[in-house]
Amino acid sequence: MDRKLLDILVCPITKGTLIYDREAQELISKSAKLAYPIRNGFPTLLPNEARHLDSSELERWK
């Protein structure tokens, strides 16, 4: 994921910052408790495409 792109992307729900999870190929929104997928190198920032994060997953990103 390009660092410059990551610096300008925000969560579409909360407008908060996103964390890049290289291993899972997801962008994490801690405030929305969602993980947005990255498919073929392109982030999919659609809330209905995101998966919900449980509390144990959120602990990983503290």
PDB file of N, CA and C in Angstrom:
ATOM      1  N   MET A   1       0.854  -1.173   0.000  1.00  0.00           N
ATOM      2  CA  MET A   1       0.000   0.000   0.000  1.00  0.00           C
ATOM      3  C   MET A   1       0.897   1.232   0.000  1.00  0.00           C
ATOM      4  N   ASP A   2       0.620   2.133  -0.891  1.00  0.00           N
ATOM      5  CA  ASP A   2       1.385   3.368  -1.004  1.00  0.00           C
ATOM      6  C   ASP A   2       1.151   4.246   0.230  1.00  0.00           C
ATOM      7  N   ARG A   3       2.226   4.675   0.858  1.00  0.00           N
ATOM      8  CA  ARG A   3       2.145   5.479   2.087  1.00  0.00           C
ATOM      9  C   ARG A   3       1.403   6.796   1.859  1.00  0.00           C
ATOM     10  N   LYS A   4       1.629   7.430   0.720  1.00  0.00           N
ATOM     11  CA  LYS A   4       0.938   8.693   0.437  1.00  0.00           C
ATOM     12  C   LYS A   4      -0.565   8.488   0.330  1.00  0.00           C
ATOM     13  N   LEU A   5      -0.970   7.394  -0.287  1.00  0.00           N
ATOM     14  CA  LEU A   5      -2.400   7.085  -0.390  1.00  0.00           C
ATOM     15  C   LEU A   5      -2.986   6.819   0.987  1.00  0.00           C
ATOM     16  N   LEU A   6      -2.278   6.059   1.791  1.00  0.00           N
ATOM     17  CA  LEU A   6      -2.755   5.760   3.138  1.00  0.00           C
ATOM     18  C   LEU A   6      -2.908   7.025   3.975  1.00  0.00           C
ATOM     19  N   ASP A   7      -2.050   8.002   3.748  1.00  0.00           N
ATOM     20  CA  ASP A   7      -2.127   9.259   4.501  1.00  0.00           C
ATOM     21  C   ASP A   7      -3.390  10.060   4.189  1.00  0.00           C
ATOM     22  N   ILE A   8      -3.964   9.880   3.000  1.00  0.00           N
ATOM     23  CA  ILE A   8      -5.147  10.674   2.650  1.00  0.00           C
ATOM     24  C   ILE A   8      -6.467   9.906   2.779  1.00  0.00           C
ATOM     25  N   LEU A   9      -6.392   8.581   2.868  1.00  0.00           N
ATOM     26  CA  LEU A   9      -7.617   7.800   3.009  1.00  0.00           C
ATOM     27  C   LEU A   9      -8.155   7.894   4.431  1.00  0.00           C
ATOM     28  N   VAL A  10      -9.467   7.940   4.559  1.00  0.00           N
ATOM     29  CA  VAL A  10     -10.122   7.943   5.867  1.00  0.00           C
ATOM     30  C   VAL A  10     -11.295   6.970   5.825  1.00  0.00           C
ATOM     31  N   CYS A  11     -11.757   6.606   6.992  1.00  0.00           N
ATOM     32  CA  CYS A  11     -12.935   5.757   7.106  1.00  0.00           C
ATOM     33  C   CYS A  11     -14.141   6.545   6.575  1.00  0.00           C
ATOM     34  N   PRO A  12     -14.926   5.966   5.688  1.00  0.00           N
ATOM     35  CA  PRO A  12     -16.076   6.688   5.147  1.00  0.00           C
ATOM     36  C   PRO A  12     -17.186   6.940   6.172  1.00  0.00           C
ATOM     37  N   ILE A  13     -17.175   6.214   7.267  1.00  0.00           N
ATOM     38  CA  ILE A  13     -18.207   6.397   8.292  1.00  0.00           C
ATOM     39  C   ILE A  13     -17.786   7.438   9.315  1.00  0.00           C
ATOM     40  N   THR A  14     -16.587   7.276   9.876  1.00  0.00           N
ATOM     41  CA  THR A  14     -16.154   8.148  10.975  1.00  0.00           C
ATOM     42  C   THR A  14     -15.235   9.272  10.526  1.00  0.00           C
ATOM     43  N   LYS A  15     -14.721   9.174   9.323  1.00  0.00           N
ATOM     44  CA  LYS A  15     -13.724  10.122   8.794  1.00  0.00           C
ATOM     45  C   LYS A  15     -12.413  10.054   9.569  1.00  0.00           C
ATOM     46  N   GLY A  16     -12.222   8.964  10.322  1.00  0.00           N
ATOM     47  CA  GLY A  16     -11.005   8.764  11.102  1.00  0.00           C
ATOM     48  C   GLY A  16      -9.926   8.077  10.288  1.00  0.00           C
ATOM     49  N   THR A  17      -8.747   8.011  10.852  1.00  0.00           N
ATOM     50  CA  THR A  17      -7.601   7.404  10.176  1.00  0.00           C
ATOM     51  C   THR A  17      -7.781   5.890  10.051  1.00  0.00           C
ATOM     52  N   LEU A  18      -7.047   5.332   9.109  1.00  0.00           N
ATOM     53  CA  LEU A  18      -7.061   3.898   8.858  1.00  0.00           C
ATOM     54  C   LEU A  18      -5.672   3.325   9.086  1.00  0.00           C
ATOM     55  N   ILE A  19      -5.630   2.092   9.524  1.00  0.00           N
ATOM     56  CA  ILE A  19      -4.379   1.383   9.768  1.00  0.00           C
ATOM     57  C   ILE A  19      -4.263   0.275   8.735  1.00  0.00           C
ATOM     58  N   TYR A  20      -3.113   0.202   8.097  1.00  0.00           N
ATOM     59  CA  TYR A  20      -2.880  -0.818   7.075  1.00  0.00           C
ATOM     60  C   TYR A  20      -2.429  -2.117   7.723  1.00  0.00           C
ATOM     61  N   ASP A  21      -3.199  -3.178   7.507  1.00  0.00           N
ATOM     62  CA  ASP A  21      -2.825  -4.518   7.955  1.00  0.00           C
ATOM     63  C   ASP A  21      -2.308  -5.273   6.733  1.00  0.00           C
ATOM     64  N   ARG A  22      -0.999  -5.292   6.586  1.00  0.00           N
ATOM     65  CA  ARG A  22      -0.370  -5.894   5.411  1.00  0.00           C
ATOM     66  C   ARG A  22      -0.689  -7.381   5.315  1.00  0.00           C
ATOM     67  N   GLU A  23      -0.635  -8.069   6.429  1.00  0.00           N
ATOM     68  CA  GLU A  23      -0.848  -9.512   6.444  1.00  0.00           C
ATOM     69  C   GLU A  23      -2.248  -9.888   5.955  1.00  0.00           C
ATOM     70  N   ALA A  24      -3.266  -9.179   6.435  1.00  0.00           N
ATOM     71  CA  ALA A  24      -4.652  -9.478   6.068  1.00  0.00           C
ATOM     72  C   ALA A  24      -5.112  -8.723   4.824  1.00  0.00           C
ATOM     73  N   GLN A  25      -4.284  -7.784   4.347  1.00  0.00           N
ATOM     74  CA  GLN A  25      -4.658  -6.934   3.221  1.00  0.00           C
ATOM     75  C   GLN A  25      -5.998  -6.235   3.486  1.00  0.00           C
ATOM     76  N   GLU A  26      -5.996  -5.491   4.614  1.00  0.00           N
ATOM     77  CA  GLU A  26      -7.178  -4.749   5.033  1.00  0.00           C
ATOM     78  C   GLU A  26      -6.762  -3.391   5.570  1.00  0.00           C
ATOM     79  N   LEU A  27      -7.696  -2.465   5.547  1.00  0.00           N
ATOM     80  CA  LEU A  27      -7.535  -1.179   6.209  1.00  0.00           C
ATOM     81  C   LEU A  27      -8.459  -1.191   7.418  1.00  0.00           C
ATOM     82  N   ILE A  28      -7.884  -0.929   8.580  1.00  0.00           N
ATOM     83  CA  ILE A  28      -8.595  -1.038   9.843  1.00  0.00           C
ATOM     84  C   ILE A  28      -9.062   0.335  10.310  1.00  0.00           C
ATOM     85  N   SER A  29     -10.350   0.417  10.647  1.00  0.00           N
ATOM     86  CA  SER A  29     -10.901   1.611  11.293  1.00  0.00           C
ATOM     87  C   SER A  29     -11.256   1.215  12.718  1.00  0.00           C
ATOM     88  N   LYS A  30     -10.400   1.631  13.658  1.00  0.00           N
ATOM     89  CA  LYS A  30     -10.659   1.292  15.063  1.00  0.00           C
ATOM     90  C   LYS A  30     -11.947   1.947  15.546  1.00  0.00           C
ATOM     91  N   SER A  31     -12.185   3.189  15.145  1.00  0.00           N
ATOM     92  CA  SER A  31     -13.357   3.914  15.638  1.00  0.00           C
ATOM     93  C   SER A  31     -14.668   3.320  15.127  1.00  0.00           C
ATOM     94  N   ALA A  32     -14.679   2.798  13.913  1.00  0.00           N
ATOM     95  CA  ALA A  32     -15.889   2.180  13.367  1.00  0.00           C
ATOM     96  C   ALA A  32     -15.933   0.676  13.640  1.00  0.00           C
ATOM     97  N   LYS A  33     -14.809   0.116  14.119  1.00  0.00           N
ATOM     98  CA  LYS A  33     -14.680  -1.314  14.378  1.00  0.00           C
ATOM     99  C   LYS A  33     -14.926  -2.130  13.109  1.00  0.00           C
ATOM    100  N   LEU A  34     -14.316  -1.637  12.003  1.00  0.00           N
ATOM    101  CA  LEU A  34     -14.467  -2.284  10.709  1.00  0.00           C
ATOM    102  C   LEU A  34     -13.108  -2.510  10.054  1.00  0.00           C
ATOM    103  N   ALA A  35     -13.050  -3.536   9.205  1.00  0.00           N
ATOM    104  CA  ALA A  35     -11.866  -3.823   8.398  1.00  0.00           C
ATOM    105  C   ALA A  35     -12.306  -3.800   6.938  1.00  0.00           C
ATOM    106  N   TYR A  36     -11.744  -2.863   6.187  1.00  0.00           N
ATOM    107  CA  TYR A  36     -12.058  -2.721   4.770  1.00  0.00           C
ATOM    108  C   TYR A  36     -11.064  -3.529   3.953  1.00  0.00           C
ATOM    109  N   PRO A  37     -11.544  -4.345   3.014  1.00  0.00           N
ATOM    110  CA  PRO A  37     -10.621  -5.179   2.238  1.00  0.00           C
ATOM    111  C   PRO A  37      -9.843  -4.382   1.199  1.00  0.00           C
ATOM    112  N   ILE A  38      -8.664  -4.898   0.877  1.00  0.00           N
ATOM    113  CA  ILE A  38      -7.868  -4.388  -0.233  1.00  0.00           C
ATOM    114  C   ILE A  38      -7.851  -5.514  -1.260  1.00  0.00           C
ATOM    115  N   ARG A  39      -8.421  -5.235  -2.422  1.00  0.00           N
ATOM    116  CA  ARG A  39      -8.520  -6.259  -3.464  1.00  0.00           C
ATOM    117  C   ARG A  39      -7.724  -5.825  -4.686  1.00  0.00           C
ATOM    118  N   ASN A  40      -6.820  -6.684  -5.105  1.00  0.00           N
ATOM    119  CA  ASN A  40      -5.972  -6.391  -6.270  1.00  0.00           C
ATOM    120  C   ASN A  40      -5.262  -5.054  -6.132  1.00  0.00           C
ATOM    121  N   GLY A  41      -4.887  -4.728  -4.891  1.00  0.00           N
ATOM    122  CA  GLY A  41      -4.149  -3.500  -4.638  1.00  0.00           C
ATOM    123  C   GLY A  41      -5.006  -2.259  -4.458  1.00  0.00           C
ATOM    124  N   PHE A  42      -6.321  -2.400  -4.549  1.00  0.00           N
ATOM    125  CA  PHE A  42      -7.230  -1.261  -4.419  1.00  0.00           C
ATOM    126  C   PHE A  42      -8.079  -1.392  -3.156  1.00  0.00           C
ATOM    127  N   PRO A  43      -8.072  -0.361  -2.295  1.00  0.00           N
ATOM    128  CA  PRO A  43      -8.913  -0.407  -1.105  1.00  0.00           C
ATOM    129  C   PRO A  43     -10.391  -0.294  -1.465  1.00  0.00           C
ATOM    130  N   THR A  44     -11.205  -1.120  -0.818  1.00  0.00           N
ATOM    131  CA  THR A  44     -12.645  -1.096  -1.015  1.00  0.00           C
ATOM    132  C   THR A  44     -13.260  -0.468   0.228  1.00  0.00           C
ATOM    133  N   LEU A  45     -13.519   0.829   0.166  1.00  0.00           N
ATOM    134  CA  LEU A  45     -13.994   1.563   1.334  1.00  0.00           C
ATOM    135  C   LEU A  45     -15.514   1.700   1.340  1.00  0.00           C
ATOM    136  N   LEU A  46     -16.167   0.587   1.139  1.00  0.00           N
ATOM    137  CA  LEU A  46     -17.624   0.544   1.188  1.00  0.00           C
ATOM    138  C   LEU A  46     -18.046  -0.154   2.478  1.00  0.00           C
ATOM    139  N   PRO A  47     -18.837   0.516   3.305  1.00  0.00           N
ATOM    140  CA  PRO A  47     -19.227  -0.085   4.582  1.00  0.00           C
ATOM    141  C   PRO A  47     -19.866  -1.466   4.444  1.00  0.00           C
ATOM    142  N   ASN A  48     -20.644  -1.691   3.390  1.00  0.00           N
ATOM    143  CA  ASN A  48     -21.282  -3.002   3.238  1.00  0.00           C
ATOM    144  C   ASN A  48     -20.296  -4.090   2.793  1.00  0.00           C
ATOM    145  N   GLU A  49     -19.088  -3.713   2.388  1.00  0.00           N
ATOM    146  CA  GLU A  49     -18.043  -4.671   2.021  1.00  0.00           C
ATOM    147  C   GLU A  49     -17.082  -4.937   3.187  1.00  0.00           C
ATOM    148  N   ALA A  50     -17.149  -4.120   4.223  1.00  0.00           N
ATOM    149  CA  ALA A  50     -16.241  -4.255   5.371  1.00  0.00           C
ATOM    150  C   ALA A  50     -16.719  -5.365   6.302  1.00  0.00           C
ATOM    151  N   ARG A  51     -15.775  -5.900   7.044  1.00  0.00           N
ATOM    152  CA  ARG A  51     -16.155  -6.888   8.061  1.00  0.00           C
ATOM    153  C   ARG A  51     -16.021  -6.244   9.440  1.00  0.00           C
ATOM    154  N   HIS A  52     -16.859  -6.686  10.350  1.00  0.00           N
ATOM    155  CA  HIS A  52     -16.851  -6.149  11.705  1.00  0.00           C
ATOM    156  C   HIS A  52     -15.718  -6.786  12.501  1.00  0.00           C
ATOM    157  N   LEU A  53     -15.053  -5.974  13.295  1.00  0.00           N
ATOM    158  CA  LEU A  53     -13.964  -6.450  14.139  1.00  0.00           C
ATOM    159  C   LEU A  53     -14.487  -6.744  15.536  1.00  0.00           C
ATOM    160  N   ASP A  54     -14.064  -7.863  16.092  1.00  0.00           N
ATOM    161  CA  ASP A  54     -14.446  -8.151  17.470  1.00  0.00           C
ATOM    162  C   ASP A  54     -13.423  -7.531  18.426  1.00  0.00           C
ATOM    163  N   SER A  55     -13.716  -7.579  19.693  1.00  0.00           N
ATOM    164  CA  SER A  55     -12.875  -6.893  20.683  1.00  0.00           C
ATOM    165  C   SER A  55     -11.449  -7.435  20.714  1.00  0.00           C
ATOM    166  N   SER A  56     -11.265  -8.733  20.480  1.00  0.00           N
ATOM    167  CA  SER A  56      -9.906  -9.286  20.493  1.00  0.00           C
ATOM    168  C   SER A  56      -9.092  -8.761  19.306  1.00  0.00           C
ATOM    169  N   GLU A  57      -9.731  -8.565  18.167  1.00  0.00           N
ATOM    170  CA  GLU A  57      -9.026  -8.006  17.017  1.00  0.00           C
ATOM    171  C   GLU A  57      -8.676  -6.545  17.258  1.00  0.00           C
ATOM    172  N   LEU A  58      -9.567  -5.810  17.902  1.00  0.00           N
ATOM    173  CA  LEU A  58      -9.304  -4.394  18.191  1.00  0.00           C
ATOM    174  C   LEU A  58      -8.135  -4.233  19.147  1.00  0.00           C
ATOM    175  N   GLU A  59      -7.959  -5.177  20.066  1.00  0.00           N
ATOM    176  CA  GLU A  59      -6.835  -5.134  21.008  1.00  0.00           C
ATOM    177  C   GLU A  59      -5.502  -5.145  20.271  1.00  0.00           C
ATOM    178  N   ARG A  60      -5.464  -5.832  19.165  1.00  0.00           N
ATOM    179  CA  ARG A  60      -4.229  -5.936  18.367  1.00  0.00           C
ATOM    180  C   ARG A  60      -3.769  -4.564  17.882  1.00  0.00           C
ATOM    181  N   TRP A  61      -4.700  -3.648  17.676  1.00  0.00           N
ATOM    182  CA  TRP A  61      -4.389  -2.342  17.082  1.00  0.00           C
ATOM    183  C   TRP A  61      -4.298  -1.214  18.088  1.00  0.00           C
ATOM    184  N   LYS A  62      -4.149  -1.536  19.344  1.00  0.00           N
ATOM    185  CA  LYS A  62      -4.012  -0.470  20.353  1.00  0.00           C
ATOM    186  C   LYS A  62      -2.632   0.080  20.368  1.00  0.00           C
TER     187      LYS A  62
END
